Amino acid sequence: MRTWAFLLGGLVIWAVHFFTLYIMASVFLTPPLARTLTMLITLACLGAIAFLAFKARRIEIETATDSWVRAVALLGMGVGGVAIVWQALPALLV
């Protein structure tokens, strides 16, 4: 179970970020409040990805499978982090 949490962690956090921003943009239509909430949600999600990446880096490598799991997990977390930043940029730059 822990392996799947690491493998899908970054992508799940990205999905949570996407849906949270979508709901937030539908409910709060004022730009200052929306920007503030977007920044807070983005920082929270990036913090969660950083925490998972820190935990993934500490996985002890005993077999080649462990090495593969760690590499793919870190790649997924990197993709999720870039996607979260990319997704938040339009709301923060306008």
PDB file of N, CA and C in Angstrom:
ATOM      1  N   MET A   1       0.818  -1.192   0.000  1.00  0.00           N
ATOM      2  CA  MET A   1       0.000   0.000   0.000  1.00  0.00           C
ATOM      3  C   MET A   1       0.867   1.262   0.000  1.00  0.00           C
ATOM      4  N   ARG A   2       1.951   1.225   0.751  1.00  0.00           N
ATOM      5  CA  ARG A   2       2.849   2.378   0.802  1.00  0.00           C
ATOM      6  C   ARG A   2       3.471   2.646  -0.560  1.00  0.00           C
ATOM      7  N   THR A   3       3.751   1.581  -1.291  1.00  0.00           N
ATOM      8  CA  THR A   3       4.331   1.741  -2.618  1.00  0.00           C
ATOM      9  C   THR A   3       3.383   2.495  -3.535  1.00  0.00           C
ATOM     10  N   TRP A   4       2.102   2.136  -3.501  1.00  0.00           N
ATOM     11  CA  TRP A   4       1.129   2.826  -4.349  1.00  0.00           C
ATOM     12  C   TRP A   4       0.953   4.269  -3.921  1.00  0.00           C
ATOM     13  N   ALA A   5       1.034   4.527  -2.631  1.00  0.00           N
ATOM     14  CA  ALA A   5       0.913   5.901  -2.151  1.00  0.00           C
ATOM     15  C   ALA A   5       2.055   6.759  -2.699  1.00  0.00           C
ATOM     16  N   PHE A   6       3.253   6.203  -2.744  1.00  0.00           N
ATOM     17  CA  PHE A   6       4.373   6.950  -3.305  1.00  0.00           C
ATOM     18  C   PHE A   6       4.259   7.088  -4.815  1.00  0.00           C
ATOM     19  N   LEU A   7       3.846   6.014  -5.495  1.00  0.00           N
ATOM     20  CA  LEU A   7       3.763   6.054  -6.952  1.00  0.00           C
ATOM     21  C   LEU A   7       2.706   7.052  -7.440  1.00  0.00           C
ATOM     22  N   LEU A   8       1.588   7.111  -6.765  1.00  0.00           N
ATOM     23  CA  LEU A   8       0.489   7.956  -7.224  1.00  0.00           C
ATOM     24  C   LEU A   8       0.333   9.240  -6.422  1.00  0.00           C
ATOM     25  N   GLY A   9       1.162   9.441  -5.420  1.00  0.00           N
ATOM     26  CA  GLY A   9       1.002  10.585  -4.528  1.00  0.00           C
ATOM     27  C   GLY A   9       1.017  11.927  -5.229  1.00  0.00           C
ATOM     28  N   GLY A  10       1.990  12.176  -6.063  1.00  0.00           N
ATOM     29  CA  GLY A  10       2.096  13.463  -6.757  1.00  0.00           C
ATOM     30  C   GLY A  10       0.924  13.719  -7.683  1.00  0.00           C
ATOM     31  N   LEU A  11       0.477  12.675  -8.365  1.00  0.00           N
ATOM     32  CA  LEU A  11      -0.633  12.832  -9.301  1.00  0.00           C
ATOM     33  C   LEU A  11      -1.966  12.998  -8.565  1.00  0.00           C
ATOM     34  N   VAL A  12      -2.118  12.342  -7.432  1.00  0.00           N
ATOM     35  CA  VAL A  12      -3.340  12.512  -6.635  1.00  0.00           C
ATOM     36  C   VAL A  12      -3.402  13.927  -6.064  1.00  0.00           C
ATOM     37  N   ILE A  13      -2.285  14.435  -5.595  1.00  0.00           N
ATOM     38  CA  ILE A  13      -2.255  15.804  -5.069  1.00  0.00           C
ATOM     39  C   ILE A  13      -2.559  16.797  -6.184  1.00  0.00           C
ATOM     40  N   TRP A  14      -2.067  16.541  -7.364  1.00  0.00           N
ATOM     41  CA  TRP A  14      -2.376  17.396  -8.514  1.00  0.00           C
ATOM     42  C   TRP A  14      -3.876  17.382  -8.797  1.00  0.00           C
ATOM     43  N   ALA A  15      -4.501  16.216  -8.753  1.00  0.00           N
ATOM     44  CA  ALA A  15      -5.941  16.119  -8.980  1.00  0.00           C
ATOM     45  C   ALA A  15      -6.719  16.857  -7.894  1.00  0.00           C
ATOM     46  N   VAL A  16      -6.285  16.729  -6.655  1.00  0.00           N
ATOM     47  CA  VAL A  16      -6.937  17.457  -5.552  1.00  0.00           C
ATOM     48  C   VAL A  16      -6.809  18.961  -5.781  1.00  0.00           C
ATOM     49  N   HIS A  17      -5.643  19.396  -6.200  1.00  0.00           N
ATOM     50  CA  HIS A  17      -5.416  20.819  -6.482  1.00  0.00           C
ATOM     51  C   HIS A  17      -6.336  21.294  -7.599  1.00  0.00           C
ATOM     52  N   PHE A  18      -6.435  20.521  -8.661  1.00  0.00           N
ATOM     53  CA  PHE A  18      -7.274  20.891  -9.805  1.00  0.00           C
ATOM     54  C   PHE A  18      -8.727  21.061  -9.376  1.00  0.00           C
ATOM     55  N   PHE A  19      -9.272  20.065  -8.694  1.00  0.00           N
ATOM     56  CA  PHE A  19     -10.676  20.128  -8.313  1.00  0.00           C
ATOM     57  C   PHE A  19     -10.934  21.193  -7.250  1.00  0.00           C
ATOM     58  N   THR A  20      -9.996  21.395  -6.348  1.00  0.00           N
ATOM     59  CA  THR A  20     -10.155  22.437  -5.337  1.00  0.00           C
ATOM     60  C   THR A  20     -10.167  23.818  -5.986  1.00  0.00           C
ATOM     61  N   LEU A  21      -9.273  24.054  -6.935  1.00  0.00           N
ATOM     62  CA  LEU A  21      -9.274  25.346  -7.632  1.00  0.00           C
ATOM     63  C   LEU A  21     -10.531  25.519  -8.465  1.00  0.00           C
ATOM     64  N   TYR A  22     -10.998  24.465  -9.076  1.00  0.00           N
ATOM     65  CA  TYR A  22     -12.215  24.540  -9.887  1.00  0.00           C
ATOM     66  C   TYR A  22     -13.406  24.910  -9.011  1.00  0.00           C
ATOM     67  N   ILE A  23     -13.543  24.259  -7.864  1.00  0.00           N
ATOM     68  CA  ILE A  23     -14.639  24.571  -6.942  1.00  0.00           C
ATOM     69  C   ILE A  23     -14.493  25.981  -6.397  1.00  0.00           C
ATOM     70  N   MET A  24     -13.283  26.355  -6.036  1.00  0.00           N
ATOM     71  CA  MET A  24     -13.038  27.676  -5.484  1.00  0.00           C
ATOM     72  C   MET A  24     -13.354  28.766  -6.507  1.00  0.00           C
ATOM     73  N   ALA A  25     -13.006  28.551  -7.762  1.00  0.00           N
ATOM     74  CA  ALA A  25     -13.275  29.544  -8.798  1.00  0.00           C
ATOM     75  C   ALA A  25     -14.773  29.650  -9.082  1.00  0.00           C
ATOM     76  N   SER A  26     -15.512  28.583  -8.866  1.00  0.00           N
ATOM     77  CA  SER A  26     -16.957  28.623  -9.072  1.00  0.00           C
ATOM     78  C   SER A  26     -17.673  29.327  -7.926  1.00  0.00           C
ATOM     79  N   VAL A  27     -17.135  29.253  -6.729  1.00  0.00           N
ATOM     80  CA  VAL A  27     -17.806  29.812  -5.564  1.00  0.00           C
ATOM     81  C   VAL A  27     -17.386  31.267  -5.318  1.00  0.00           C
ATOM     82  N   PHE A  28     -16.087  31.521  -5.332  1.00  0.00           N
ATOM     83  CA  PHE A  28     -15.573  32.860  -5.031  1.00  0.00           C
ATOM     84  C   PHE A  28     -15.208  33.560  -6.336  1.00  0.00           C
ATOM     85  N   LEU A  29     -16.011  34.548  -6.681  1.00  0.00           N
ATOM     86  CA  LEU A  29     -15.806  35.206  -7.964  1.00  0.00           C
ATOM     87  C   LEU A  29     -15.029  36.516  -7.856  1.00  0.00           C
ATOM     88  N   THR A  30     -14.705  36.961  -6.652  1.00  0.00           N
ATOM     89  CA  THR A  30     -13.959  38.206  -6.501  1.00  0.00           C
ATOM     90  C   THR A  30     -12.467  37.929  -6.680  1.00  0.00           C
ATOM     91  N   PRO A  31     -11.803  38.699  -7.526  1.00  0.00           N
ATOM     92  CA  PRO A  31     -10.387  38.431  -7.817  1.00  0.00           C
ATOM     93  C   PRO A  31      -9.438  38.456  -6.620  1.00  0.00           C
ATOM     94  N   PRO A  32      -9.517  39.408  -5.699  1.00  0.00           N
ATOM     95  CA  PRO A  32      -8.535  39.374  -4.592  1.00  0.00           C
ATOM     96  C   PRO A  32      -8.673  38.131  -3.716  1.00  0.00           C
ATOM     97  N   LEU A  33      -9.896  37.757  -3.405  1.00  0.00           N
ATOM     98  CA  LEU A  33     -10.112  36.566  -2.588  1.00  0.00           C
ATOM     99  C   LEU A  33      -9.701  35.306  -3.346  1.00  0.00           C
ATOM    100  N   ALA A  34     -10.030  35.255  -4.627  1.00  0.00           N
ATOM    101  CA  ALA A  34      -9.676  34.085  -5.436  1.00  0.00           C
ATOM    102  C   ALA A  34      -8.157  33.943  -5.546  1.00  0.00           C
ATOM    103  N   ARG A  35      -7.465  35.034  -5.730  1.00  0.00           N
ATOM    104  CA  ARG A  35      -5.993  34.968  -5.818  1.00  0.00           C
ATOM    105  C   ARG A  35      -5.374  34.501  -4.503  1.00  0.00           C
ATOM    106  N   THR A  36      -5.886  35.015  -3.408  1.00  0.00           N
ATOM    107  CA  THR A  36      -5.360  34.616  -2.100  1.00  0.00           C
ATOM    108  C   THR A  36      -5.597  33.135  -1.850  1.00  0.00           C
ATOM    109  N   LEU A  37      -6.808  32.673  -2.118  1.00  0.00           N
ATOM    110  CA  LEU A  37      -7.106  31.257  -1.925  1.00  0.00           C
ATOM    111  C   LEU A  37      -6.319  30.373  -2.886  1.00  0.00           C
ATOM    112  N   THR A  38      -6.134  30.841  -4.110  1.00  0.00           N
ATOM    113  CA  THR A  38      -5.335  30.081  -5.070  1.00  0.00           C
ATOM    114  C   THR A  38      -3.907  29.926  -4.576  1.00  0.00           C
ATOM    115  N   MET A  39      -3.344  30.996  -4.046  1.00  0.00           N
ATOM    116  CA  MET A  39      -1.978  30.937  -3.526  1.00  0.00           C
ATOM    117  C   MET A  39      -1.887  29.989  -2.338  1.00  0.00           C
ATOM    118  N   LEU A  40      -2.852  30.048  -1.419  1.00  0.00           N
ATOM    119  CA  LEU A  40      -2.831  29.182  -0.253  1.00  0.00           C
ATOM    120  C   LEU A  40      -2.998  27.709  -0.634  1.00  0.00           C
ATOM    121  N   ILE A  41      -3.914  27.430  -1.538  1.00  0.00           N
ATOM    122  CA  ILE A  41      -4.135  26.050  -1.980  1.00  0.00           C
ATOM    123  C   ILE A  41      -2.901  25.525  -2.708  1.00  0.00           C
ATOM    124  N   THR A  42      -2.313  26.360  -3.541  1.00  0.00           N
ATOM    125  CA  THR A  42      -1.127  25.950  -4.294  1.00  0.00           C
ATOM    126  C   THR A  42       0.044  25.670  -3.357  1.00  0.00           C
ATOM    127  N   LEU A  43       0.259  26.546  -2.386  1.00  0.00           N
ATOM    128  CA  LEU A  43       1.355  26.333  -1.435  1.00  0.00           C
ATOM    129  C   LEU A  43       1.132  25.080  -0.595  1.00  0.00           C
ATOM    130  N   ALA A  44      -0.114  24.826  -0.213  1.00  0.00           N
ATOM    131  CA  ALA A  44      -0.410  23.619   0.567  1.00  0.00           C
ATOM    132  C   ALA A  44      -0.139  22.357  -0.258  1.00  0.00           C
ATOM    133  N   CYS A  45      -0.546  22.365  -1.511  1.00  0.00           N
ATOM    134  CA  CYS A  45      -0.322  21.195  -2.363  1.00  0.00           C
ATOM    135  C   CYS A  45       1.164  21.004  -2.674  1.00  0.00           C
ATOM    136  N   LEU A  46       1.874  22.090  -2.918  1.00  0.00           N
ATOM    137  CA  LEU A  46       3.315  21.972  -3.156  1.00  0.00           C
ATOM    138  C   LEU A  46       4.041  21.499  -1.899  1.00  0.00           C
ATOM    139  N   GLY A  47       3.572  21.932  -0.748  1.00  0.00           N
ATOM    140  CA  GLY A  47       4.141  21.447   0.502  1.00  0.00           C
ATOM    141  C   GLY A  47       3.900  19.957   0.691  1.00  0.00           C
ATOM    142  N   ALA A  48       2.715  19.486   0.323  1.00  0.00           N
ATOM    143  CA  ALA A  48       2.416  18.055   0.424  1.00  0.00           C
ATOM    144  C   ALA A  48       3.294  17.247  -0.516  1.00  0.00           C
ATOM    145  N   ILE A  49       3.515  17.762  -1.715  1.00  0.00           N
ATOM    146  CA  ILE A  49       4.392  17.062  -2.665  1.00  0.00           C
ATOM    147  C   ILE A  49       5.833  17.064  -2.157  1.00  0.00           C
ATOM    148  N   ALA A  50       6.270  18.177  -1.589  1.00  0.00           N
ATOM    149  CA  ALA A  50       7.629  18.226  -1.048  1.00  0.00           C
ATOM    150  C   ALA A  50       7.791  17.235   0.100  1.00  0.00           C
ATOM    151  N   PHE A  51       6.773  17.114   0.947  1.00  0.00           N
ATOM    152  CA  PHE A  51       6.822  16.157   2.049  1.00  0.00           C
ATOM    153  C   PHE A  51       6.909  14.726   1.512  1.00  0.00           C
ATOM    154  N   LEU A  52       6.083  14.399   0.520  1.00  0.00           N
ATOM    155  CA  LEU A  52       6.133  13.062  -0.074  1.00  0.00           C
ATOM    156  C   LEU A  52       7.473  12.792  -0.747  1.00  0.00           C
ATOM    157  N   ALA A  53       8.014  13.804  -1.421  1.00  0.00           N
ATOM    158  CA  ALA A  53       9.306  13.620  -2.081  1.00  0.00           C
ATOM    159  C   ALA A  53      10.408  13.390  -1.054  1.00  0.00           C
ATOM    160  N   PHE A  54      10.343  14.109   0.055  1.00  0.00           N
ATOM    161  CA  PHE A  54      11.315  13.909   1.126  1.00  0.00           C
ATOM    162  C   PHE A  54      11.223  12.495   1.676  1.00  0.00           C
ATOM    163  N   LYS A  55       9.989  12.015   1.879  1.00  0.00           N
ATOM    164  CA  LYS A  55       9.802  10.649   2.379  1.00  0.00           C
ATOM    165  C   LYS A  55      10.259   9.624   1.336  1.00  0.00           C
ATOM    166  N   ALA A  56      10.016   9.892   0.064  1.00  0.00           N
ATOM    167  CA  ALA A  56      10.410   8.953  -0.986  1.00  0.00           C
ATOM    168  C   ALA A  56      11.933   8.876  -1.111  1.00  0.00           C
ATOM    169  N   ARG A  57      12.605   9.982  -0.891  1.00  0.00           N
ATOM    170  CA  ARG A  57      14.064   9.974  -0.971  1.00  0.00           C
ATOM    171  C   ARG A  57      14.689   9.137   0.135  1.00  0.00           C
ATOM    172  N   ARG A  58      13.948   8.944   1.221  1.00  0.00           N
ATOM    173  CA  ARG A  58      14.481   8.195   2.350  1.00  0.00           C
ATOM    174  C   ARG A  58      14.164   6.702   2.286  1.00  0.00           C
ATOM    175  N   ILE A  59      13.516   6.257   1.201  1.00  0.00           N
ATOM    176  CA  ILE A  59      13.229   4.830   1.054  1.00  0.00           C
ATOM    177  C   ILE A  59      14.552   4.084   0.918  1.00  0.00           C
ATOM    178  N   GLU A  60      14.708   3.057   1.704  1.00  0.00           N
ATOM    179  CA  GLU A  60      15.926   2.253   1.612  1.00  0.00           C
ATOM    180  C   GLU A  60      15.832   1.346   0.397  1.00  0.00           C
ATOM    181  N   ILE A  61      16.879   1.367  -0.402  1.00  0.00           N
ATOM    182  CA  ILE A  61      16.896   0.574  -1.630  1.00  0.00           C
ATOM    183  C   ILE A  61      17.553  -0.766  -1.323  1.00  0.00           C
ATOM    184  N   GLU A  62      16.734  -1.808  -1.396  1.00  0.00           N
ATOM    185  CA  GLU A  62      17.241  -3.161  -1.157  1.00  0.00           C
ATOM    186  C   GLU A  62      17.268  -3.986  -2.437  1.00  0.00           C
ATOM    187  N   THR A  63      16.352  -3.671  -3.350  1.00  0.00           N
ATOM    188  CA  THR A  63      16.292  -4.412  -4.615  1.00  0.00           C
ATOM    189  C   THR A  63      16.189  -3.425  -5.763  1.00  0.00           C
ATOM    190  N   ALA A  64      16.264  -3.952  -6.963  1.00  0.00           N
ATOM    191  CA  ALA A  64      16.117  -3.104  -8.148  1.00  0.00           C
ATOM    192  C   ALA A  64      14.697  -2.554  -8.247  1.00  0.00           C
ATOM    193  N   THR A  65      13.736  -3.301  -7.742  1.00  0.00           N
ATOM    194  CA  THR A  65      12.349  -2.828  -7.758  1.00  0.00           C
ATOM    195  C   THR A  65      12.192  -1.601  -6.871  1.00  0.00           C
ATOM    196  N   ASP A  66      12.844  -1.589  -5.732  1.00  0.00           N
ATOM    197  CA  ASP A  66      12.782  -0.418  -4.847  1.00  0.00           C
ATOM    198  C   ASP A  66      13.363   0.816  -5.528  1.00  0.00           C
ATOM    199  N   SER A  67      14.431   0.625  -6.257  1.00  0.00           N
ATOM    200  CA  SER A  67      15.043   1.737  -6.987  1.00  0.00           C
ATOM    201  C   SER A  67      14.094   2.260  -8.061  1.00  0.00           C
ATOM    202  N   TRP A  68      13.427   1.338  -8.768  1.00  0.00           N
ATOM    203  CA  TRP A  68      12.487   1.728  -9.812  1.00  0.00           C
ATOM    204  C   TRP A  68      11.291   2.468  -9.223  1.00  0.00           C
ATOM    205  N   VAL A  69      10.767   1.976  -8.109  1.00  0.00           N
ATOM    206  CA  VAL A  69       9.621   2.604  -7.451  1.00  0.00           C
ATOM    207  C   VAL A  69       9.982   4.021  -7.027  1.00  0.00           C
ATOM    208  N   ARG A  70      11.155   4.174  -6.448  1.00  0.00           N
ATOM    209  CA  ARG A  70      11.563   5.503  -6.007  1.00  0.00           C
ATOM    210  C   ARG A  70      11.733   6.455  -7.186  1.00  0.00           C
ATOM    211  N   ALA A  71      12.338   5.981  -8.267  1.00  0.00           N
ATOM    212  CA  ALA A  71      12.545   6.844  -9.427  1.00  0.00           C
ATOM    213  C   ALA A  71      11.214   7.259 -10.060  1.00  0.00           C
ATOM    214  N   VAL A  72      10.300   6.316 -10.213  1.00  0.00           N
ATOM    215  CA  VAL A  72       9.007   6.634 -10.818  1.00  0.00           C
ATOM    216  C   VAL A  72       8.188   7.532  -9.883  1.00  0.00           C
ATOM    217  N   ALA A  73       8.267   7.291  -8.590  1.00  0.00           N
ATOM    218  CA  ALA A  73       7.538   8.119  -7.631  1.00  0.00           C
ATOM    219  C   ALA A  73       8.039   9.560  -7.670  1.00  0.00           C
ATOM    220  N   LEU A  74       9.344   9.730  -7.693  1.00  0.00           N
ATOM    221  CA  LEU A  74       9.903  11.084  -7.752  1.00  0.00           C
ATOM    222  C   LEU A  74       9.564  11.765  -9.070  1.00  0.00           C
ATOM    223  N   LEU A  75       9.537  11.002 -10.152  1.00  0.00           N
ATOM    224  CA  LEU A  75       9.139  11.567 -11.444  1.00  0.00           C
ATOM    225  C   LEU A  75       7.684  12.020 -11.400  1.00  0.00           C
ATOM    226  N   GLY A  76       6.802  11.200 -10.842  1.00  0.00           N
ATOM    227  CA  GLY A  76       5.395  11.577 -10.717  1.00  0.00           C
ATOM    228  C   GLY A  76       5.200  12.796  -9.838  1.00  0.00           C
ATOM    229  N   MET A  77       5.981  12.885  -8.776  1.00  0.00           N
ATOM    230  CA  MET A  77       5.892  14.052  -7.903  1.00  0.00           C
ATOM    231  C   MET A  77       6.409  15.303  -8.609  1.00  0.00           C
ATOM    232  N   GLY A  78       7.441  15.143  -9.415  1.00  0.00           N
ATOM    233  CA  GLY A  78       7.942  16.279 -10.189  1.00  0.00           C
ATOM    234  C   GLY A  78       6.936  16.757 -11.220  1.00  0.00           C
ATOM    235  N   VAL A  79       6.306  15.812 -11.916  1.00  0.00           N
ATOM    236  CA  VAL A  79       5.276  16.169 -12.897  1.00  0.00           C
ATOM    237  C   VAL A  79       4.102  16.841 -12.198  1.00  0.00           C
ATOM    238  N   GLY A  80       3.692  16.301 -11.051  1.00  0.00           N
ATOM    239  CA  GLY A  80       2.599  16.904 -10.294  1.00  0.00           C
ATOM    240  C   GLY A  80       2.935  18.306  -9.819  1.00  0.00           C
ATOM    241  N   GLY A  81       4.159  18.509  -9.358  1.00  0.00           N
ATOM    242  CA  GLY A  81       4.569  19.837  -8.908  1.00  0.00           C
ATOM    243  C   GLY A  81       4.586  20.858 -10.032  1.00  0.00           C
ATOM    244  N   VAL A  82       5.125  20.470 -11.174  1.00  0.00           N
ATOM    245  CA  VAL A  82       5.140  21.378 -12.333  1.00  0.00           C
ATOM    246  C   VAL A  82       3.719  21.675 -12.788  1.00  0.00           C
ATOM    247  N   ALA A  83       2.860  20.664 -12.800  1.00  0.00           N
ATOM    248  CA  ALA A  83       1.473  20.864 -13.224  1.00  0.00           C
ATOM    249  C   ALA A  83       0.725  21.785 -12.257  1.00  0.00           C
ATOM    250  N   ILE A  84       1.002  21.662 -10.979  1.00  0.00           N
ATOM    251  CA  ILE A  84       0.347  22.534  -9.996  1.00  0.00           C
ATOM    252  C   ILE A  84       0.774  23.981 -10.202  1.00  0.00           C
ATOM    253  N   VAL A  85       2.049  24.206 -10.401  1.00  0.00           N
ATOM    254  CA  VAL A  85       2.525  25.573 -10.645  1.00  0.00           C
ATOM    255  C   VAL A  85       1.946  26.103 -11.953  1.00  0.00           C
ATOM    256  N   TRP A  86       1.934  25.278 -12.983  1.00  0.00           N
ATOM    257  CA  TRP A  86       1.413  25.673 -14.286  1.00  0.00           C
ATOM    258  C   TRP A  86      -0.076  26.015 -14.190  1.00  0.00           C
ATOM    259  N   GLN A  87      -0.789  25.257 -13.398  1.00  0.00           N
ATOM    260  CA  GLN A  87      -2.221  25.448 -13.235  1.00  0.00           C
ATOM    261  C   GLN A  87      -2.530  26.717 -12.448  1.00  0.00           C
ATOM    262  N   ALA A  88      -1.685  27.089 -11.522  1.00  0.00           N
ATOM    263  CA  ALA A  88      -1.948  28.263 -10.677  1.00  0.00           C
ATOM    264  C   ALA A  88      -1.466  29.570 -11.307  1.00  0.00           C
ATOM    265  N   LEU A  89      -0.576  29.506 -12.258  1.00  0.00           N
ATOM    266  CA  LEU A  89      -0.007  30.726 -12.837  1.00  0.00           C
ATOM    267  C   LEU A  89      -1.041  31.685 -13.434  1.00  0.00           C
ATOM    268  N   PRO A  90      -2.010  31.231 -14.222  1.00  0.00           N
ATOM    269  CA  PRO A  90      -2.967  32.199 -14.786  1.00  0.00           C
ATOM    270  C   PRO A  90      -3.734  32.982 -13.726  1.00  0.00           C
ATOM    271  N   ALA A  91      -4.106  32.324 -12.656  1.00  0.00           N
ATOM    272  CA  ALA A  91      -4.854  33.018 -11.606  1.00  0.00           C
ATOM    273  C   ALA A  91      -3.969  33.995 -10.852  1.00  0.00           C
ATOM    274  N   LEU A  92      -2.699  33.698 -10.745  1.00  0.00           N
ATOM    275  CA  LEU A  92      -1.812  34.553  -9.959  1.00  0.00           C
ATOM    276  C   LEU A  92      -1.202  35.692 -10.779  1.00  0.00           C
ATOM    277  N   LEU A  93      -1.119  35.540 -12.102  1.00  0.00           N
ATOM    278  CA  LEU A  93      -0.481  36.561 -12.923  1.00  0.00           C
ATOM    279  C   LEU A  93      -1.451  37.628 -13.438  1.00  0.00           C
ATOM    280  N   VAL A  94      -2.717  37.336 -13.438  1.00  0.00           N
ATOM    281  CA  VAL A  94      -3.694  38.278 -13.992  1.00  0.00           C
ATOM    282  C   VAL A  94      -3.906  39.436 -13.058  1.00  0.00           C
TER     283      VAL A  94
END
